[in-house]
């Protein structure tokens, strides 16, 4: 999709259509009713920023500046970052094993970002896309944890739907300000439209299902299943985008995943 559509514009299209799909799916079921007030509106506005303006919109910027393989391996640290943020904001207890896993994962992420070279550290030659993706991980962690708090009073579907509406609004404003005149729909390839359609339909309901899992299992346990993302993404990038998997990828990925295994093992 990024080959012919600007990043924030992709996010705006995806969340605008996704908001409509979720609203239709929610219907008039009384289980998803909300009691509107300034605090709730502010909560949705905040979640729209951290979850979708930053978490989704900026992730497209990061992906444009790095490879799918790098993005997938960096996302492998998401479960551990969720556990750490849960400890900070929700006071969830972190065991010695979890702390060891966090340290291992941070080391693995460092190997990926520095490409296994001390010269990158010495000369600050970091890939900007990798750093942006790390920042979006933290933002997505805040979104997940604050959303858990919000779902004490409303359903996961209502939380996702109205956060999508807020996120769509923020992304439309940002794309109009930063990307005005950069996109011509007539020049957009069919493959880009197919990618947008896939992300809009399946990505939208994946966000709802993930929030549902967070509500049921908690952020830390739900985050464990994000471990499936890098495995599939690296395979797809290798076979369909012909991306090269280097030794630092293998070593860094192995260290990240070993940290996850240590942190989540019961």
Protein backbone atom coordinates (compact mmCIF):
# COMPACT_ATOMS: atom_id res chain seq x y z
CA UNK A 1 0.00 0.00 0.00
CA UNK A 2 2.88 2.36 0.80
CA UNK A 3 4.14 2.11 -2.77
CA UNK A 4 1.47 4.54 -3.98
CA UNK A 5 -0.33 6.00 -0.94
CA UNK A 6 1.16 8.28 1.80
CA UNK A 7 1.32 6.74 5.32
CA UNK A 8 -1.18 8.92 7.20
CA UNK A 9 -3.59 8.79 4.27
CA UNK A 10 -3.55 4.98 4.45
CA UNK A 11 -4.39 5.19 8.14
CA UNK A 12 -7.18 7.72 7.54
CA UNK A 13 -8.81 5.58 4.82
CA UNK A 14 -8.45 2.41 6.86
CA UNK A 15 -9.90 3.80 10.10
CA UNK A 16 -12.72 5.76 8.46
CA UNK A 17 -14.07 2.68 6.69
CA UNK A 18 -13.22 0.50 9.70
CA UNK A 19 -15.28 2.81 11.96
CA UNK A 20 -18.30 2.31 9.72
CA UNK A 21 -17.84 -1.48 9.72
CA UNK A 22 -17.54 -1.64 13.51
CA UNK A 23 -20.56 0.63 14.00
CA UNK A 24 -22.65 -1.60 11.74
CA UNK A 25 -21.40 -4.70 13.56
CA UNK A 26 -22.21 -3.17 16.94
CA UNK A 27 -25.78 -2.30 15.89
CA UNK A 28 -28.19 -1.34 18.68
CA UNK A 29 -27.20 -4.09 21.09
CA UNK A 30 -27.79 -2.72 24.63
CA UNK A 31 -24.67 -4.56 25.82
CA UNK A 32 -22.59 -1.97 23.97
CA UNK A 33 -24.35 1.15 25.24
CA UNK A 34 -22.14 3.87 26.74
CA UNK A 35 -22.91 6.74 29.08
CA UNK A 36 -21.41 9.76 27.39
CA UNK A 37 -19.61 12.41 29.39
CA UNK A 38 -16.55 14.69 29.13
CA UNK A 39 -14.26 12.10 30.74
CA UNK A 40 -15.30 9.33 28.33
CA UNK A 41 -14.98 11.60 25.29
CA UNK A 42 -11.51 12.64 26.47
CA UNK A 43 -10.56 8.98 26.95
CA UNK A 44 -11.56 8.11 23.38
CA UNK A 45 -9.70 11.16 22.05
CA UNK A 46 -6.54 10.12 23.93
CA UNK A 47 -6.79 6.50 22.79
CA UNK A 48 -7.32 7.70 19.21
CA UNK A 49 -3.99 9.56 19.42
CA UNK A 50 -1.82 6.93 21.11
CA UNK A 51 -3.44 3.90 19.49
CA UNK A 52 -4.07 5.02 15.94
CA UNK A 53 -2.52 8.39 15.10
CA UNK A 54 0.81 7.30 16.61
CA UNK A 55 0.45 3.52 16.87
CA UNK A 56 -0.86 3.00 13.33
CA UNK A 57 -0.08 6.19 11.39
CA UNK A 58 3.53 6.46 12.55
CA UNK A 59 4.07 2.72 12.12
CA UNK A 60 3.42 3.22 8.39
CA UNK A 61 6.09 5.94 8.37
CA UNK A 62 8.51 3.61 10.14
CA UNK A 63 7.74 0.73 7.77
CA UNK A 64 8.44 2.99 4.79
CA UNK A 65 11.95 3.65 6.16
CA UNK A 66 12.90 0.08 7.10
CA UNK A 67 12.20 -3.50 6.03
CA UNK A 68 9.29 -5.78 6.90
CA UNK A 69 11.82 -8.18 8.46
CA UNK A 70 13.17 -5.49 10.81
CA UNK A 71 9.65 -4.36 11.66
CA UNK A 72 8.58 -7.92 12.45
CA UNK A 73 11.56 -8.62 14.69
CA UNK A 74 11.12 -5.35 16.57
CA UNK A 75 7.44 -6.14 17.07
CA UNK A 76 8.53 -9.41 18.67
CA UNK A 77 9.41 -7.38 21.77
CA UNK A 78 5.81 -6.12 22.09
CA UNK A 79 4.69 -8.77 24.65
CA UNK A 80 7.58 -7.88 26.94
CA UNK A 81 7.00 -4.14 26.56
CA UNK A 82 3.35 -4.74 27.47
CA UNK A 83 4.40 -6.65 30.58
CA UNK A 84 6.74 -3.82 31.59
CA UNK A 85 4.09 -1.14 31.03
CA UNK A 86 1.55 -3.26 32.93
CA UNK A 87 3.96 -3.26 35.87
CA UNK A 88 4.37 0.53 35.71
CA UNK A 89 0.71 1.51 35.20
CA UNK A 90 -1.33 -1.42 36.52
CA UNK A 91 1.08 -2.51 39.26
CA UNK A 92 1.07 -6.06 37.88
CA UNK A 93 3.79 -8.01 39.65
CA UNK A 94 6.93 -8.79 37.61
CA UNK A 95 8.85 -11.90 38.63
CA UNK A 96 12.63 -12.28 38.40
CA UNK A 97 12.06 -14.44 35.32
CA UNK A 98 10.02 -11.67 33.68
CA UNK A 99 12.69 -9.07 34.41
CA UNK A 100 15.36 -11.36 32.92
CA UNK A 101 13.22 -11.80 29.84
CA UNK A 102 12.81 -8.04 29.47
CA UNK A 103 16.58 -7.52 29.64
CA UNK A 104 17.16 -10.24 27.03
CA UNK A 105 14.56 -8.77 24.69
CA UNK A 106 16.05 -5.28 25.01
CA UNK A 107 19.46 -6.72 24.08
CA UNK A 108 17.95 -8.49 21.09
CA UNK A 109 16.22 -5.32 19.90
CA UNK A 110 19.56 -3.51 20.28
CA UNK A 111 21.27 -6.07 18.01
CA UNK A 112 18.60 -5.58 15.34
CA UNK A 113 18.69 -1.78 15.48
CA UNK A 114 22.50 -1.57 15.43
CA UNK A 115 22.65 -4.32 12.78
CA UNK A 116 25.17 -6.09 15.00
CA UNK A 117 27.80 -3.38 14.51
CA UNK A 118 29.40 -1.21 17.19
CA UNK A 119 30.12 1.36 14.47
CA UNK A 120 26.40 2.11 14.33
CA UNK A 121 26.50 2.97 18.05
CA UNK A 122 29.74 4.96 17.77
CA UNK A 123 28.53 7.06 14.84
CA UNK A 124 24.80 7.09 15.72
CA UNK A 125 23.88 5.57 12.35
CA UNK A 126 20.54 4.21 13.49
CA UNK A 127 17.77 3.50 11.02
CA UNK A 128 15.10 6.13 11.66
CA UNK A 129 12.36 3.67 10.69
CA UNK A 130 13.47 1.23 13.41
CA UNK A 131 13.40 3.98 16.05
CA UNK A 132 9.93 5.12 14.94
CA UNK A 133 8.64 1.54 15.18
CA UNK A 134 10.02 1.23 18.72
CA UNK A 135 8.20 4.44 19.69
CA UNK A 136 4.94 3.13 18.22
CA UNK A 137 5.33 -0.02 20.32
CA UNK A 138 5.37 2.05 23.49
CA UNK A 139 2.38 4.03 22.24
CA UNK A 140 0.47 0.83 21.44
CA UNK A 141 1.31 -0.49 24.91
CA UNK A 142 -0.20 2.63 26.51
CA UNK A 143 -3.28 2.21 24.28
CA UNK A 144 -3.70 -1.42 25.36
CA UNK A 145 -3.28 -0.76 29.07
CA UNK A 146 -5.48 2.35 29.22
CA UNK A 147 -8.04 0.50 27.15
CA UNK A 148 -8.10 -2.26 29.77
CA UNK A 149 -9.02 0.38 32.34
CA UNK A 150 -11.72 1.80 30.06
CA UNK A 151 -13.24 -1.65 29.48
CA UNK A 152 -14.13 -1.88 33.16
CA UNK A 153 -17.16 0.26 32.28
CA UNK A 154 -17.85 -0.41 28.56
CA UNK A 155 -17.63 -3.40 26.23
CA UNK A 156 -14.50 -4.17 24.13
CA UNK A 157 -16.52 -3.64 20.93
CA UNK A 158 -17.76 -0.21 22.02
CA UNK A 159 -14.26 0.76 23.15
CA UNK A 160 -12.75 -0.27 19.82
CA UNK A 161 -15.52 1.35 17.74
CA UNK A 162 -15.42 4.78 19.33
CA UNK A 163 -11.63 4.77 19.57
CA UNK A 164 -11.57 4.00 15.84
CA UNK A 165 -13.85 7.00 15.23
CA UNK A 166 -11.50 9.24 17.24
CA UNK A 167 -8.43 7.78 15.52
CA UNK A 168 -10.00 8.33 12.09
CA UNK A 169 -10.63 11.97 12.97
CA UNK A 170 -7.03 12.54 14.10
CA UNK A 171 -5.61 10.78 11.04
CA UNK A 172 -7.82 12.76 8.63
CA UNK A 173 -6.64 16.03 10.20
CA UNK A 174 -2.98 14.93 10.18
CA UNK A 175 -3.10 13.68 6.58
CA UNK A 176 -4.74 16.93 5.37
CA UNK A 177 -2.06 19.00 7.11
CA UNK A 178 1.03 16.91 6.29
CA UNK A 179 0.17 15.04 3.09
CA UNK A 180 -2.14 17.38 1.17
CA UNK A 181 -1.41 17.13 -2.55
CA UNK A 182 0.85 14.07 -2.19
CA UNK A 183 -1.72 11.52 -3.34
CA UNK A 184 -3.70 11.09 -6.54
CA UNK A 185 -6.26 8.24 -6.28
CA UNK A 186 -6.13 7.74 -10.04
CA UNK A 187 -2.41 6.82 -9.79
CA UNK A 188 -2.96 4.22 -7.05
CA UNK A 189 -2.22 0.66 -8.14
CA UNK A 190 -4.71 -2.18 -7.83
CA UNK A 191 -2.36 -4.03 -5.46
CA UNK A 192 -2.34 -1.00 -3.12
CA UNK A 193 -6.16 -0.91 -3.07
CA UNK A 194 -6.25 -4.64 -2.33
CA UNK A 195 -3.79 -4.13 0.54
CA UNK A 196 -5.94 -1.30 1.92
CA UNK A 197 -9.09 -3.46 1.66
CA UNK A 198 -7.39 -6.36 3.44
CA UNK A 199 -6.11 -4.16 6.27
CA UNK A 200 -9.42 -2.32 6.59
CA UNK A 201 -11.58 -5.44 6.94
CA UNK A 202 -9.33 -7.97 8.68
CA UNK A 203 -7.19 -5.41 10.54
CA UNK A 204 -10.27 -3.67 11.95
CA UNK A 205 -11.74 -6.84 13.45
CA UNK A 206 -8.28 -7.98 14.59
CA UNK A 207 -8.09 -4.82 16.73
CA UNK A 208 -11.52 -5.59 18.23
CA UNK A 209 -10.64 -9.23 18.88
CA UNK A 210 -7.35 -8.17 20.50
CA UNK A 211 -9.18 -5.76 22.83
CA UNK A 212 -11.61 -8.58 23.63
CA UNK A 213 -8.65 -10.79 24.52
CA UNK A 214 -7.13 -8.03 26.67
CA UNK A 215 -10.44 -7.70 28.52
CA UNK A 216 -10.56 -11.45 29.15
CA UNK A 217 -6.91 -12.36 29.71
CA UNK A 218 -5.22 -9.09 30.69
CA UNK A 219 -2.53 -7.20 28.71
CA UNK A 220 0.42 -9.44 29.58
CA UNK A 221 -1.18 -12.78 28.64
CA UNK A 222 -2.94 -11.41 25.55
CA UNK A 223 0.37 -9.93 24.40
CA UNK A 224 1.98 -13.37 24.31
CA UNK A 225 0.03 -14.18 21.15
CA UNK A 226 1.73 -11.28 19.35
CA UNK A 227 4.71 -13.66 19.13
CA UNK A 228 3.04 -15.15 16.06
CA UNK A 229 3.39 -11.86 14.15
CA UNK A 230 7.17 -11.86 13.49
CA UNK A 231 7.25 -15.50 12.43
CA UNK A 232 4.58 -14.99 9.77
CA UNK A 233 5.77 -11.54 8.69
CA UNK A 234 9.38 -12.61 8.15
CA UNK A 235 8.25 -15.61 6.11
CA UNK A 236 5.95 -13.47 3.96
CA UNK A 237 8.67 -10.82 3.47
CA UNK A 238 11.21 -13.49 2.46
CA UNK A 239 8.99 -15.28 -0.05
CA UNK A 240 6.95 -12.40 -1.49
CA UNK A 241 9.15 -9.30 -1.07
CA UNK A 242 12.49 -11.14 -1.42
CA UNK A 243 13.94 -9.45 1.64
CA UNK A 244 17.31 -10.71 2.84
CA UNK A 245 17.57 -12.25 6.30
CA UNK A 246 21.00 -11.39 7.73
CA UNK A 247 23.01 -12.84 10.63
CA UNK A 248 22.14 -9.87 12.95
CA UNK A 249 18.45 -10.55 12.15
CA UNK A 250 18.83 -14.19 13.16
CA UNK A 251 20.85 -13.46 16.30
CA UNK A 252 18.76 -10.48 17.41
CA UNK A 253 15.50 -12.30 16.69
CA UNK A 254 16.68 -15.37 18.61
CA UNK A 255 17.64 -13.22 21.62
CA UNK A 256 14.30 -11.35 21.54
CA UNK A 257 12.30 -14.57 21.31
CA UNK A 258 14.38 -16.24 24.03
CA UNK A 259 13.63 -13.23 26.24
CA UNK A 260 9.93 -13.66 25.51
CA UNK A 261 10.09 -17.38 26.36
CA UNK A 262 11.86 -16.60 29.64
CA UNK A 263 9.44 -13.78 30.53
CA UNK A 264 6.21 -15.63 29.72
CA UNK A 265 7.04 -19.14 30.83
CA UNK A 266 4.91 -20.32 33.73
